Amino acid sequence: MVREYFEKGYYPSGSAVSGDAFTPTAALLKAALIASATPMENVGNPPPCREQGWGRILLDDVLFFPDDSKRLFVADVSERFASSNSAADTYDIMLFGRAERLKVVLVWTDYPSTRSHRPTS
């Protein structure tokens, strides 16, 4: 469902716009699931705990649709820091009011390593 949200162009407007469609990276999908974690009701211990882990997935808390009070900002960058001259990305985020907390999730996907070559004896 999260993949389809991005592939059908729901980000950033909350409505399907084919021109906004893109294939999300594995890191973005993982970040959305992490950001949607919500504590379960009637569980004695708060997250993280054995009974509920970090909480249950509630996609309505992370994916933006029209008339939602929460907003969504995504920076799905698949290639960065290819050389030592690569600059870091910075983002300015303005918060108005204190009704909702800002939740930031940083996730990345490590590319497979090269095979190790052991010296022969």
PDB file of N, CA and C in Angstrom:
ATOM      1  N   MET A   1       0.808  -1.184   0.000  1.00  0.00           N
ATOM      2  CA  MET A   1       0.000   0.000   0.000  1.00  0.00           C
ATOM      3  C   MET A   1       0.866   1.268   0.000  1.00  0.00           C
ATOM      4  N   VAL A   2       1.969   1.220   0.742  1.00  0.00           N
ATOM      5  CA  VAL A   2       2.858   2.384   0.778  1.00  0.00           C
ATOM      6  C   VAL A   2       3.514   2.575  -0.587  1.00  0.00           C
ATOM      7  N   ARG A   3       3.977   1.487  -1.179  1.00  0.00           N
ATOM      8  CA  ARG A   3       4.598   1.575  -2.512  1.00  0.00           C
ATOM      9  C   ARG A   3       3.597   2.150  -3.518  1.00  0.00           C
ATOM     10  N   GLU A   4       2.387   1.657  -3.488  1.00  0.00           N
ATOM     11  CA  GLU A   4       1.354   2.111  -4.415  1.00  0.00           C
ATOM     12  C   GLU A   4       1.056   3.606  -4.234  1.00  0.00           C
ATOM     13  N   TYR A   5       1.092   4.094  -2.999  1.00  0.00           N
ATOM     14  CA  TYR A   5       0.862   5.510  -2.702  1.00  0.00           C
ATOM     15  C   TYR A   5       1.820   6.382  -3.518  1.00  0.00           C
ATOM     16  N   PHE A   6       3.091   6.002  -3.536  1.00  0.00           N
ATOM     17  CA  PHE A   6       4.085   6.788  -4.276  1.00  0.00           C
ATOM     18  C   PHE A   6       4.029   6.508  -5.778  1.00  0.00           C
ATOM     19  N   GLU A   7       3.820   5.258  -6.159  1.00  0.00           N
ATOM     20  CA  GLU A   7       3.794   4.900  -7.576  1.00  0.00           C
ATOM     21  C   GLU A   7       2.584   5.477  -8.310  1.00  0.00           C
ATOM     22  N   LYS A   8       1.512   5.773  -7.600  1.00  0.00           N
ATOM     23  CA  LYS A   8       0.328   6.369  -8.223  1.00  0.00           C
ATOM     24  C   LYS A   8       0.325   7.887  -8.111  1.00  0.00           C
ATOM     25  N   GLY A   9       1.379   8.466  -7.521  1.00  0.00           N
ATOM     26  CA  GLY A   9       1.544   9.909  -7.485  1.00  0.00           C
ATOM     27  C   GLY A   9       0.772  10.638  -6.401  1.00  0.00           C
ATOM     28  N   TYR A  10       0.468   9.975  -5.301  1.00  0.00           N
ATOM     29  CA  TYR A  10      -0.247  10.635  -4.210  1.00  0.00           C
ATOM     30  C   TYR A  10       0.631  11.620  -3.438  1.00  0.00           C
ATOM     31  N   TYR A  11       1.939  11.445  -3.512  1.00  0.00           N
ATOM     32  CA  TYR A  11       2.835  12.385  -2.845  1.00  0.00           C
ATOM     33  C   TYR A  11       3.248  13.450  -3.850  1.00  0.00           C
ATOM     34  N   PRO A  12       3.212  14.705  -3.573  1.00  0.00           N
ATOM     35  CA  PRO A  12       3.020  15.356  -2.275  1.00  0.00           C
ATOM     36  C   PRO A  12       1.607  15.882  -2.007  1.00  0.00           C
ATOM     37  N   SER A  13       0.724  15.856  -3.028  1.00  0.00           N
ATOM     38  CA  SER A  13      -0.575  16.530  -2.887  1.00  0.00           C
ATOM     39  C   SER A  13      -1.599  15.745  -2.075  1.00  0.00           C
ATOM     40  N   GLY A  14      -1.444  14.429  -1.979  1.00  0.00           N
ATOM     41  CA  GLY A  14      -2.439  13.599  -1.298  1.00  0.00           C
ATOM     42  C   GLY A  14      -3.487  13.059  -2.249  1.00  0.00           C
ATOM     43  N   SER A  15      -3.461  13.502  -3.493  1.00  0.00           N
ATOM     44  CA  SER A  15      -4.360  13.011  -4.541  1.00  0.00           C
ATOM     45  C   SER A  15      -3.504  12.423  -5.665  1.00  0.00           C
ATOM     46  N   ALA A  16      -4.058  11.443  -6.364  1.00  0.00           N
ATOM     47  CA  ALA A  16      -3.306  10.780  -7.430  1.00  0.00           C
ATOM     48  C   ALA A  16      -3.042  11.745  -8.584  1.00  0.00           C
ATOM     49  N   VAL A  17      -1.764  12.029  -8.819  1.00  0.00           N
ATOM     50  CA  VAL A  17      -1.318  12.882  -9.926  1.00  0.00           C
ATOM     51  C   VAL A  17      -0.233  12.095 -10.649  1.00  0.00           C
ATOM     52  N   SER A  18      -0.508  11.662 -11.867  1.00  0.00           N
ATOM     53  CA  SER A  18       0.429  10.775 -12.564  1.00  0.00           C
ATOM     54  C   SER A  18       1.814  11.400 -12.730  1.00  0.00           C
ATOM     55  N   GLY A  19       1.886  12.709 -12.872  1.00  0.00           N
ATOM     56  CA  GLY A  19       3.182  13.382 -13.022  1.00  0.00           C
ATOM     57  C   GLY A  19       4.039  13.344 -11.763  1.00  0.00           C
ATOM     58  N   ASP A  20       3.433  13.078 -10.607  1.00  0.00           N
ATOM     59  CA  ASP A  20       4.171  12.994  -9.346  1.00  0.00           C
ATOM     60  C   ASP A  20       4.607  11.570  -9.006  1.00  0.00           C
ATOM     61  N   ALA A  21       4.217  10.613  -9.825  1.00  0.00           N
ATOM     62  CA  ALA A  21       4.493   9.202  -9.537  1.00  0.00           C
ATOM     63  C   ALA A  21       5.987   8.894  -9.612  1.00  0.00           C
ATOM     64  N   PHE A  22       6.460   8.083  -8.695  1.00  0.00           N
ATOM     65  CA  PHE A  22       7.835   7.580  -8.733  1.00  0.00           C
ATOM     66  C   PHE A  22       7.896   6.259  -7.990  1.00  0.00           C
ATOM     67  N   THR A  23       8.927   5.488  -8.277  1.00  0.00           N
ATOM     68  CA  THR A  23       9.134   4.222  -7.584  1.00  0.00           C
ATOM     69  C   THR A  23       9.958   4.483  -6.335  1.00  0.00           C
ATOM     70  N   PRO A  24       9.388   4.237  -5.158  1.00  0.00           N
ATOM     71  CA  PRO A  24      10.106   4.517  -3.921  1.00  0.00           C
ATOM     72  C   PRO A  24      11.227   3.508  -3.680  1.00  0.00           C
ATOM     73  N   THR A  25      12.268   3.947  -3.009  1.00  0.00           N
ATOM     74  CA  THR A  25      13.348   3.038  -2.641  1.00  0.00           C
ATOM     75  C   THR A  25      12.899   2.175  -1.464  1.00  0.00           C
ATOM     76  N   ALA A  26      13.626   1.110  -1.233  1.00  0.00           N
ATOM     77  CA  ALA A  26      13.353   0.254  -0.075  1.00  0.00           C
ATOM     78  C   ALA A  26      13.482   1.047   1.221  1.00  0.00           C
ATOM     79  N   ALA A  27      14.424   1.982   1.247  1.00  0.00           N
ATOM     80  CA  ALA A  27      14.623   2.804   2.444  1.00  0.00           C
ATOM     81  C   ALA A  27      13.398   3.667   2.723  1.00  0.00           C
ATOM     82  N   LEU A  28      12.771   4.234   1.690  1.00  0.00           N
ATOM     83  CA  LEU A  28      11.582   5.052   1.894  1.00  0.00           C
ATOM     84  C   LEU A  28      10.426   4.206   2.417  1.00  0.00           C
ATOM     85  N   LEU A  29      10.250   3.024   1.881  1.00  0.00           N
ATOM     86  CA  LEU A  29       9.182   2.145   2.364  1.00  0.00           C
ATOM     87  C   LEU A  29       9.396   1.793   3.834  1.00  0.00           C
ATOM     88  N   LYS A  30      10.624   1.488   4.186  1.00  0.00           N
ATOM     89  CA  LYS A  30      10.948   1.167   5.579  1.00  0.00           C
ATOM     90  C   LYS A  30      10.712   2.380   6.482  1.00  0.00           C
ATOM     91  N   ALA A  31      11.109   3.565   6.033  1.00  0.00           N
ATOM     92  CA  ALA A  31      10.923   4.781   6.823  1.00  0.00           C
ATOM     93  C   ALA A  31       9.442   5.051   7.068  1.00  0.00           C
ATOM     94  N   ALA A  32       8.611   4.860   6.049  1.00  0.00           N
ATOM     95  CA  ALA A  32       7.174   5.098   6.209  1.00  0.00           C
ATOM     96  C   ALA A  32       6.575   4.144   7.240  1.00  0.00           C
ATOM     97  N   LEU A  33       6.984   2.898   7.212  1.00  0.00           N
ATOM     98  CA  LEU A  33       6.471   1.928   8.189  1.00  0.00           C
ATOM     99  C   LEU A  33       6.939   2.271   9.601  1.00  0.00           C
ATOM    100  N   ILE A  34       8.183   2.679   9.726  1.00  0.00           N
ATOM    101  CA  ILE A  34       8.703   3.071  11.045  1.00  0.00           C
ATOM    102  C   ILE A  34       7.959   4.299  11.561  1.00  0.00           C
ATOM    103  N   ALA A  35       7.759   5.283  10.690  1.00  0.00           N
ATOM    104  CA  ALA A  35       7.091   6.517  11.103  1.00  0.00           C
ATOM    105  C   ALA A  35       5.634   6.284  11.491  1.00  0.00           C
ATOM    106  N   SER A  36       5.024   5.229  10.971  1.00  0.00           N
ATOM    107  CA  SER A  36       3.618   4.959  11.255  1.00  0.00           C
ATOM    108  C   SER A  36       3.410   4.193  12.571  1.00  0.00           C
ATOM    109  N   ALA A  37       4.486   3.779  13.211  1.00  0.00           N
ATOM    110  CA  ALA A  37       4.352   2.985  14.446  1.00  0.00           C
ATOM    111  C   ALA A  37       3.587   3.787  15.507  1.00  0.00           C
ATOM    112  N   THR A  38       2.539   3.170  16.029  1.00  0.00           N
ATOM    113  CA  THR A  38       1.662   3.807  17.011  1.00  0.00           C
ATOM    114  C   THR A  38       1.506   2.875  18.210  1.00  0.00           C
ATOM    115  N   PRO A  39       1.647   3.409  19.426  1.00  0.00           N
ATOM    116  CA  PRO A  39       1.476   2.546  20.601  1.00  0.00           C
ATOM    117  C   PRO A  39       0.093   1.879  20.608  1.00  0.00           C
ATOM    118  N   MET A  40       0.059   0.629  21.007  1.00  0.00           N
ATOM    119  CA  MET A  40      -1.192  -0.116  21.080  1.00  0.00           C
ATOM    120  C   MET A  40      -1.924   0.217  22.378  1.00  0.00           C
ATOM    121  N   GLU A  41      -3.239   0.220  22.311  1.00  0.00           N
ATOM    122  CA  GLU A  41      -4.050   0.476  23.496  1.00  0.00           C
ATOM    123  C   GLU A  41      -4.113  -0.776  24.370  1.00  0.00           C
ATOM    124  N   ASN A  42      -4.321  -0.563  25.634  1.00  0.00           N
ATOM    125  CA  ASN A  42      -4.504  -1.641  26.611  1.00  0.00           C
ATOM    126  C   ASN A  42      -3.318  -2.587  26.708  1.00  0.00           C
ATOM    127  N   VAL A  43      -2.137  -2.088  26.446  1.00  0.00           N
ATOM    128  CA  VAL A  43      -0.914  -2.855  26.636  1.00  0.00           C
ATOM    129  C   VAL A  43      -0.182  -2.190  27.793  1.00  0.00           C
ATOM    130  N   GLY A  44       0.194  -2.979  28.783  1.00  0.00           N
ATOM    131  CA  GLY A  44       0.755  -2.431  30.011  1.00  0.00           C
ATOM    132  C   GLY A  44       2.016  -1.618  29.849  1.00  0.00           C
ATOM    133  N   ASN A  45       2.909  -2.048  28.998  1.00  0.00           N
ATOM    134  CA  ASN A  45       4.194  -1.367  28.851  1.00  0.00           C
ATOM    135  C   ASN A  45       4.225  -0.526  27.577  1.00  0.00           C
ATOM    136  N   PRO A  46       4.800   0.681  27.639  1.00  0.00           N
ATOM    137  CA  PRO A  46       4.909   1.513  26.439  1.00  0.00           C
ATOM    138  C   PRO A  46       6.003   0.981  25.512  1.00  0.00           C
ATOM    139  N   PRO A  47       5.932   1.334  24.230  1.00  0.00           N
ATOM    140  CA  PRO A  47       6.975   0.903  23.293  1.00  0.00           C
ATOM    141  C   PRO A  47       8.325   1.498  23.651  1.00  0.00           C
ATOM    142  N   PRO A  48       9.397   0.836  23.337  1.00  0.00           N
ATOM    143  CA  PRO A  48       9.451  -0.533  22.834  1.00  0.00           C
ATOM    144  C   PRO A  48       9.328  -1.530  23.986  1.00  0.00           C
ATOM    145  N   CYS A  49       8.608  -2.580  23.755  1.00  0.00           N
ATOM    146  CA  CYS A  49       8.451  -3.613  24.775  1.00  0.00           C
ATOM    147  C   CYS A  49       8.163  -4.955  24.107  1.00  0.00           C
ATOM    148  N   ARG A  50       8.212  -6.007  24.884  1.00  0.00           N
ATOM    149  CA  ARG A  50       8.012  -7.359  24.371  1.00  0.00           C
ATOM    150  C   ARG A  50       6.600  -7.559  23.831  1.00  0.00           C
ATOM    151  N   GLU A  51       5.605  -6.930  24.464  1.00  0.00           N
ATOM    152  CA  GLU A  51       4.215  -7.152  24.081  1.00  0.00           C
ATOM    153  C   GLU A  51       3.830  -6.498  22.747  1.00  0.00           C
ATOM    154  N   GLN A  52       4.450  -5.364  22.418  1.00  0.00           N
ATOM    155  CA  GLN A  52       4.044  -4.664  21.204  1.00  0.00           C
ATOM    156  C   GLN A  52       5.188  -4.172  20.337  1.00  0.00           C
ATOM    157  N   GLY A  53       6.414  -4.476  20.709  1.00  0.00           N
ATOM    158  CA  GLY A  53       7.539  -3.967  19.933  1.00  0.00           C
ATOM    159  C   GLY A  53       7.539  -2.459  19.969  1.00  0.00           C
ATOM    160  N   TRP A  54       7.589  -1.830  18.789  1.00  0.00           N
ATOM    161  CA  TRP A  54       7.558  -0.363  18.696  1.00  0.00           C
ATOM    162  C   TRP A  54       6.149   0.152  18.445  1.00  0.00           C
ATOM    163  N   GLY A  55       5.148  -0.740  18.428  1.00  0.00           N
ATOM    164  CA  GLY A  55       3.764  -0.350  18.199  1.00  0.00           C
ATOM    165  C   GLY A  55       3.229  -1.001  16.947  1.00  0.00           C
ATOM    166  N   ARG A  56       2.006  -0.617  16.580  1.00  0.00           N
ATOM    167  CA  ARG A  56       1.370  -1.188  15.384  1.00  0.00           C
ATOM    168  C   ARG A  56       1.482  -0.207  14.232  1.00  0.00           C
ATOM    169  N   ILE A  57       1.406  -0.732  13.025  1.00  0.00           N
ATOM    170  CA  ILE A  57       1.477   0.098  11.831  1.00  0.00           C
ATOM    171  C   ILE A  57       0.120   0.756  11.618  1.00  0.00           C
ATOM    172  N   LEU A  58       0.119   2.076  11.509  1.00  0.00           N
ATOM    173  CA  LEU A  58      -1.090   2.840  11.232  1.00  0.00           C
ATOM    174  C   LEU A  58      -0.755   3.823  10.106  1.00  0.00           C
ATOM    175  N   LEU A  59      -0.965   3.378   8.860  1.00  0.00           N
ATOM    176  CA  LEU A  59      -0.545   4.157   7.695  1.00  0.00           C
ATOM    177  C   LEU A  59      -1.224   5.513   7.610  1.00  0.00           C
ATOM    178  N   ASP A  60      -2.413   5.646   8.167  1.00  0.00           N
ATOM    179  CA  ASP A  60      -3.093   6.943   8.143  1.00  0.00           C
ATOM    180  C   ASP A  60      -2.314   7.996   8.927  1.00  0.00           C
ATOM    181  N   ASP A  61      -1.435   7.577   9.809  1.00  0.00           N
ATOM    182  CA  ASP A  61      -0.618   8.521  10.570  1.00  0.00           C
ATOM    183  C   ASP A  61       0.612   8.996   9.813  1.00  0.00           C
ATOM    184  N   VAL A  62       0.903   8.386   8.666  1.00  0.00           N
ATOM    185  CA  VAL A  62       2.116   8.775   7.941  1.00  0.00           C
ATOM    186  C   VAL A  62       1.847   9.232   6.506  1.00  0.00           C
ATOM    187  N   LEU A  63       0.868   8.672   5.839  1.00  0.00           N
ATOM    188  CA  LEU A  63       0.589   9.051   4.458  1.00  0.00           C
ATOM    189  C   LEU A  63      -0.385  10.228   4.430  1.00  0.00           C
ATOM    190  N   PHE A  64      -0.067  11.242   3.638  1.00  0.00           N
ATOM    191  CA  PHE A  64      -0.888  12.455   3.574  1.00  0.00           C
ATOM    192  C   PHE A  64      -1.978  12.324   2.529  1.00  0.00           C
ATOM    193  N   PHE A  65      -3.190  12.739   2.912  1.00  0.00           N
ATOM    194  CA  PHE A  65      -4.322  12.822   2.004  1.00  0.00           C
ATOM    195  C   PHE A  65      -4.998  14.172   2.213  1.00  0.00           C
ATOM    196  N   PRO A  66      -5.787  14.638   1.225  1.00  0.00           N
ATOM    197  CA  PRO A  66      -6.463  15.930   1.393  1.00  0.00           C
ATOM    198  C   PRO A  66      -7.260  15.971   2.700  1.00  0.00           C
ATOM    199  N   ASP A  67      -7.303  17.130   3.310  1.00  0.00           N
ATOM    200  CA  ASP A  67      -8.014  17.380   4.569  1.00  0.00           C
ATOM    201  C   ASP A  67      -7.314  16.795   5.787  1.00  0.00           C
ATOM    202  N   ASP A  68      -6.121  16.206   5.626  1.00  0.00           N
ATOM    203  CA  ASP A  68      -5.352  15.743   6.788  1.00  0.00           C
ATOM    204  C   ASP A  68      -4.694  16.943   7.457  1.00  0.00           C
ATOM    205  N   SER A  69      -4.612  16.903   8.770  1.00  0.00           N
ATOM    206  CA  SER A  69      -3.928  17.990   9.473  1.00  0.00           C
ATOM    207  C   SER A  69      -2.415  17.782   9.479  1.00  0.00           C
ATOM    208  N   LYS A  70      -1.989  16.539   9.373  1.00  0.00           N
ATOM    209  CA  LYS A  70      -0.551  16.242   9.335  1.00  0.00           C
ATOM    210  C   LYS A  70      -0.058  16.344   7.905  1.00  0.00           C
ATOM    211  N   ARG A  71       1.182  16.768   7.736  1.00  0.00           N
ATOM    212  CA  ARG A  71       1.808  16.860   6.418  1.00  0.00           C
ATOM    213  C   ARG A  71       2.903  15.806   6.313  1.00  0.00           C
ATOM    214  N   LEU A  72       3.380  15.586   5.117  1.00  0.00           N
ATOM    215  CA  LEU A  72       4.424  14.604   4.860  1.00  0.00           C
ATOM    216  C   LEU A  72       5.491  15.245   4.001  1.00  0.00           C
ATOM    217  N   PHE A  73       6.746  15.093   4.408  1.00  0.00           N
ATOM    218  CA  PHE A  73       7.873  15.534   3.598  1.00  0.00           C
ATOM    219  C   PHE A  73       8.762  14.323   3.372  1.00  0.00           C
ATOM    220  N   VAL A  74       9.107  14.082   2.122  1.00  0.00           N
ATOM    221  CA  VAL A  74       9.916  12.928   1.753  1.00  0.00           C
ATOM    222  C   VAL A  74      11.130  13.399   0.961  1.00  0.00           C
ATOM    223  N   ALA A  75      12.288  12.900   1.306  1.00  0.00           N
ATOM    224  CA  ALA A  75      13.505  13.106   0.524  1.00  0.00           C
ATOM    225  C   ALA A  75      14.040  11.714   0.211  1.00  0.00           C
ATOM    226  N   ASP A  76      13.612  11.162  -0.901  1.00  0.00           N
ATOM    227  CA  ASP A  76      13.991   9.803  -1.280  1.00  0.00           C
ATOM    228  C   ASP A  76      15.151   9.878  -2.256  1.00  0.00           C
ATOM    229  N   VAL A  77      16.342   9.948  -1.720  1.00  0.00           N
ATOM    230  CA  VAL A  77      17.546  10.134  -2.519  1.00  0.00           C
ATOM    231  C   VAL A  77      18.259   8.790  -2.608  1.00  0.00           C
ATOM    232  N   SER A  78      18.389   8.281  -3.815  1.00  0.00           N
ATOM    233  CA  SER A  78      18.963   6.941  -3.956  1.00  0.00           C
ATOM    234  C   SER A  78      20.477   6.934  -4.123  1.00  0.00           C
ATOM    235  N   GLU A  79      21.059   8.034  -4.556  1.00  0.00           N
ATOM    236  CA  GLU A  79      22.514   8.061  -4.729  1.00  0.00           C
ATOM    237  C   GLU A  79      23.093   9.325  -4.108  1.00  0.00           C
ATOM    238  N   ARG A  80      23.914   9.153  -3.110  1.00  0.00           N
ATOM    239  CA  ARG A  80      24.575  10.274  -2.448  1.00  0.00           C
ATOM    240  C   ARG A  80      25.973   9.861  -2.048  1.00  0.00           C
ATOM    241  N   PHE A  81      26.795  10.849  -1.892  1.00  0.00           N
ATOM    242  CA  PHE A  81      28.146  10.671  -1.394  1.00  0.00           C
ATOM    243  C   PHE A  81      28.951   9.692  -2.245  1.00  0.00           C
ATOM    244  N   ALA A  82      28.859   9.897  -3.549  1.00  0.00           N
ATOM    245  CA  ALA A  82      29.619   9.057  -4.473  1.00  0.00           C
ATOM    246  C   ALA A  82      31.107   9.383  -4.436  1.00  0.00           C
ATOM    247  N   SER A  83      31.425  10.581  -3.958  1.00  0.00           N
ATOM    248  CA  SER A  83      32.830  10.959  -3.845  1.00  0.00           C
ATOM    249  C   SER A  83      33.020  11.768  -2.571  1.00  0.00           C
ATOM    250  N   SER A  84      34.255  12.049  -2.245  1.00  0.00           N
ATOM    251  CA  SER A  84      34.546  12.824  -1.042  1.00  0.00           C
ATOM    252  C   SER A  84      34.127  14.287  -1.195  1.00  0.00           C
ATOM    253  N   ASN A  85      33.825  14.730  -2.417  1.00  0.00           N
ATOM    254  CA  ASN A  85      33.390  16.108  -2.667  1.00  0.00           C
ATOM    255  C   ASN A  85      31.879  16.291  -2.564  1.00  0.00           C
ATOM    256  N   SER A  86      31.132  15.218  -2.308  1.00  0.00           N
ATOM    257  CA  SER A  86      29.676  15.304  -2.231  1.00  0.00           C
ATOM    258  C   SER A  86      29.250  16.127  -1.016  1.00  0.00           C
ATOM    259  N   ALA A  87      28.341  17.051  -1.237  1.00  0.00           N
ATOM    260  CA  ALA A  87      27.839  17.901  -0.150  1.00  0.00           C
ATOM    261  C   ALA A  87      26.652  17.231   0.535  1.00  0.00           C
ATOM    262  N   ALA A  88      26.479  17.526   1.802  1.00  0.00           N
ATOM    263  CA  ALA A  88      25.348  16.997   2.561  1.00  0.00           C
ATOM    264  C   ALA A  88      24.075  17.715   2.144  1.00  0.00           C
ATOM    265  N   ASP A  89      22.948  17.041   2.262  1.00  0.00           N
ATOM    266  CA  ASP A  89      21.650  17.650   1.990  1.00  0.00           C
ATOM    267  C   ASP A  89      21.166  18.327   3.265  1.00  0.00           C
ATOM    268  N   THR A  90      20.546  19.494   3.121  1.00  0.00           N
ATOM    269  CA  THR A  90      19.945  20.173   4.262  1.00  0.00           C
ATOM    270  C   THR A  90      18.513  20.548   3.907  1.00  0.00           C
ATOM    271  N   TYR A  91      17.645  20.557   4.898  1.00  0.00           N
ATOM    272  CA  TYR A  91      16.238  20.871   4.699  1.00  0.00           C
ATOM    273  C   TYR A  91      15.785  21.801   5.817  1.00  0.00           C
ATOM    274  N   ASP A  92      15.092  22.864   5.453  1.00  0.00           N
ATOM    275  CA  ASP A  92      14.496  23.768   6.431  1.00  0.00           C
ATOM    276  C   ASP A  92      13.029  23.404   6.563  1.00  0.00           C
ATOM    277  N   ILE A  93      12.599  23.150   7.790  1.00  0.00           N
ATOM    278  CA  ILE A  93      11.214  22.773   8.048  1.00  0.00           C
ATOM    279  C   ILE A  93      10.654  23.747   9.074  1.00  0.00           C
ATOM    280  N   MET A  94       9.562  24.398   8.710  1.00  0.00           N
ATOM    281  CA  MET A  94       8.928  25.345   9.625  1.00  0.00           C
ATOM    282  C   MET A  94       7.715  24.681  10.265  1.00  0.00           C
ATOM    283  N   LEU A  95       7.624  24.787  11.571  1.00  0.00           N
ATOM    284  CA  LEU A  95       6.497  24.221  12.298  1.00  0.00           C
ATOM    285  C   LEU A  95       5.615  25.353  12.795  1.00  0.00           C
ATOM    286  N   PHE A  96       4.329  25.212  12.591  1.00  0.00           N
ATOM    287  CA  PHE A  96       3.368  26.201  13.053  1.00  0.00           C
ATOM    288  C   PHE A  96       2.463  25.532  14.081  1.00  0.00           C
ATOM    289  N   GLY A  97       2.431  26.063  15.275  1.00  0.00           N
ATOM    290  CA  GLY A  97       1.611  25.458  16.316  1.00  0.00           C
ATOM    291  C   GLY A  97       2.307  24.264  16.929  1.00  0.00           C
ATOM    292  N   ARG A  98       1.741  23.772  17.963  1.00  0.00           N
ATOM    293  CA  ARG A  98       2.339  22.638  18.661  1.00  0.00           C
ATOM    294  C   ARG A  98       1.352  21.488  18.815  1.00  0.00           C
ATOM    295  N   ALA A  99       0.371  21.417  17.931  1.00  0.00           N
ATOM    296  CA  ALA A  99      -0.637  20.371  18.028  1.00  0.00           C
ATOM    297  C   ALA A  99      -0.041  18.986  17.741  1.00  0.00           C
ATOM    298  N   GLU A 100       0.900  18.914  16.824  1.00  0.00           N
ATOM    299  CA  GLU A 100       1.527  17.641  16.463  1.00  0.00           C
ATOM    300  C   GLU A 100       3.029  17.734  16.639  1.00  0.00           C
ATOM    301  N   ARG A 101       3.616  16.621  17.002  1.00  0.00           N
ATOM    302  CA  ARG A 101       5.075  16.570  17.125  1.00  0.00           C
ATOM    303  C   ARG A 101       5.696  16.316  15.749  1.00  0.00           C
ATOM    304  N   LEU A 102       6.900  16.809  15.582  1.00  0.00           N
ATOM    305  CA  LEU A 102       7.669  16.527  14.374  1.00  0.00           C
ATOM    306  C   LEU A 102       8.302  15.158  14.544  1.00  0.00           C
ATOM    307  N   LYS A 103       8.111  14.305  13.564  1.00  0.00           N
ATOM    308  CA  LYS A 103       8.713  12.975  13.587  1.00  0.00           C
ATOM    309  C   LYS A 103       9.635  12.864  12.383  1.00  0.00           C
ATOM    310  N   VAL A 104      10.906  12.559  12.632  1.00  0.00           N
ATOM    311  CA  VAL A 104      11.897  12.436  11.574  1.00  0.00           C
ATOM    312  C   VAL A 104      12.439  11.009  11.602  1.00  0.00           C
ATOM    313  N   VAL A 105      12.497  10.385  10.442  1.00  0.00           N
ATOM    314  CA  VAL A 105      13.014   9.018  10.336  1.00  0.00           C
ATOM    315  C   VAL A 105      14.094   9.013   9.254  1.00  0.00           C
ATOM    316  N   LEU A 106      15.266   8.559   9.612  1.00  0.00           N
ATOM    317  CA  LEU A 106      16.376   8.437   8.668  1.00  0.00           C
ATOM    318  C   LEU A 106      16.634   6.951   8.439  1.00  0.00           C
ATOM    319  N   VAL A 107      16.551   6.536   7.194  1.00  0.00           N
ATOM    320  CA  VAL A 107      16.749   5.131   6.832  1.00  0.00           C
ATOM    321  C   VAL A 107      17.586   5.084   5.569  1.00  0.00           C
ATOM    322  N   TRP A 108      18.408   4.088   5.442  1.00  0.00           N
ATOM    323  CA  TRP A 108      19.181   3.921   4.221  1.00  0.00           C
ATOM    324  C   TRP A 108      19.298   2.446   3.909  1.00  0.00           C
ATOM    325  N   THR A 109      19.679   2.176   2.675  1.00  0.00           N
ATOM    326  CA  THR A 109      19.893   0.808   2.218  1.00  0.00           C
ATOM    327  C   THR A 109      21.355   0.694   1.817  1.00  0.00           C
ATOM    328  N   ASP A 110      22.068  -0.192   2.456  1.00  0.00           N
ATOM    329  CA  ASP A 110      23.465  -0.431   2.091  1.00  0.00           C
ATOM    330  C   ASP A 110      23.508  -1.344   0.874  1.00  0.00           C
ATOM    331  N   TYR A 111      24.341  -0.967  -0.064  1.00  0.00           N
ATOM    332  CA  TYR A 111      24.495  -1.810  -1.236  1.00  0.00           C
ATOM    333  C   TYR A 111      25.351  -3.017  -0.884  1.00  0.00           C
ATOM    334  N   PRO A 112      25.152  -4.136  -1.585  1.00  0.00           N
ATOM    335  CA  PRO A 112      25.944  -5.335  -1.299  1.00  0.00           C
ATOM    336  C   PRO A 112      27.436  -5.069  -1.426  1.00  0.00           C
ATOM    337  N   SER A 113      28.165  -5.655  -0.569  1.00  0.00           N
ATOM    338  CA  SER A 113      29.617  -5.518  -0.583  1.00  0.00           C
ATOM    339  C   SER A 113      30.210  -6.365  -1.704  1.00  0.00           C
ATOM    340  N   THR A 114      31.440  -6.086  -2.040  1.00  0.00           N
ATOM    341  CA  THR A 114      32.133  -6.941  -2.980  1.00  0.00           C
ATOM    342  C   THR A 114      32.587  -8.196  -2.247  1.00  0.00           C
ATOM    343  N   ARG A 115      32.786  -9.246  -2.987  1.00  0.00           N
ATOM    344  CA  ARG A 115      33.238 -10.489  -2.373  1.00  0.00           C
ATOM    345  C   ARG A 115      34.622 -10.317  -1.810  1.00  0.00           C
ATOM    346  N   SER A 116      34.816 -10.857  -0.641  1.00  0.00           N
ATOM    347  CA  SER A 116      36.149 -10.746  -0.049  1.00  0.00           C
ATOM    348  C   SER A 116      37.085 -11.771  -0.709  1.00  0.00           C
ATOM    349  N   HIS A 117      38.297 -11.367  -0.870  1.00  0.00           N
ATOM    350  CA  HIS A 117      39.286 -12.263  -1.468  1.00  0.00           C
ATOM    351  C   HIS A 117      40.291 -12.613  -0.385  1.00  0.00           C
ATOM    352  N   ARG A 118      40.292 -13.860  -0.040  1.00  0.00           N
ATOM    353  CA  ARG A 118      41.235 -14.327   0.982  1.00  0.00           C
ATOM    354  C   ARG A 118      42.516 -14.803   0.312  1.00  0.00           C
ATOM    355  N   PRO A 119      43.611 -14.427   0.926  1.00  0.00           N
ATOM    356  CA  PRO A 119      44.882 -14.906   0.334  1.00  0.00           C
ATOM    357  C   PRO A 119      44.968 -16.427   0.429  1.00  0.00           C
ATOM    358  N   THR A 120      45.505 -17.000  -0.580  1.00  0.00           N
ATOM    359  CA  THR A 120      45.705 -18.459  -0.550  1.00  0.00           C
ATOM    360  C   THR A 120      47.036 -18.761   0.115  1.00  0.00           C
ATOM    361  N   SER A 121      47.065 -19.876   0.781  1.00  0.00           N
ATOM    362  CA  SER A 121      48.317 -20.216   1.469  1.00  0.00           C
ATOM    363  C   SER A 121      49.129 -21.193   0.687  1.00  0.00           C
TER     364      SER A 121
END
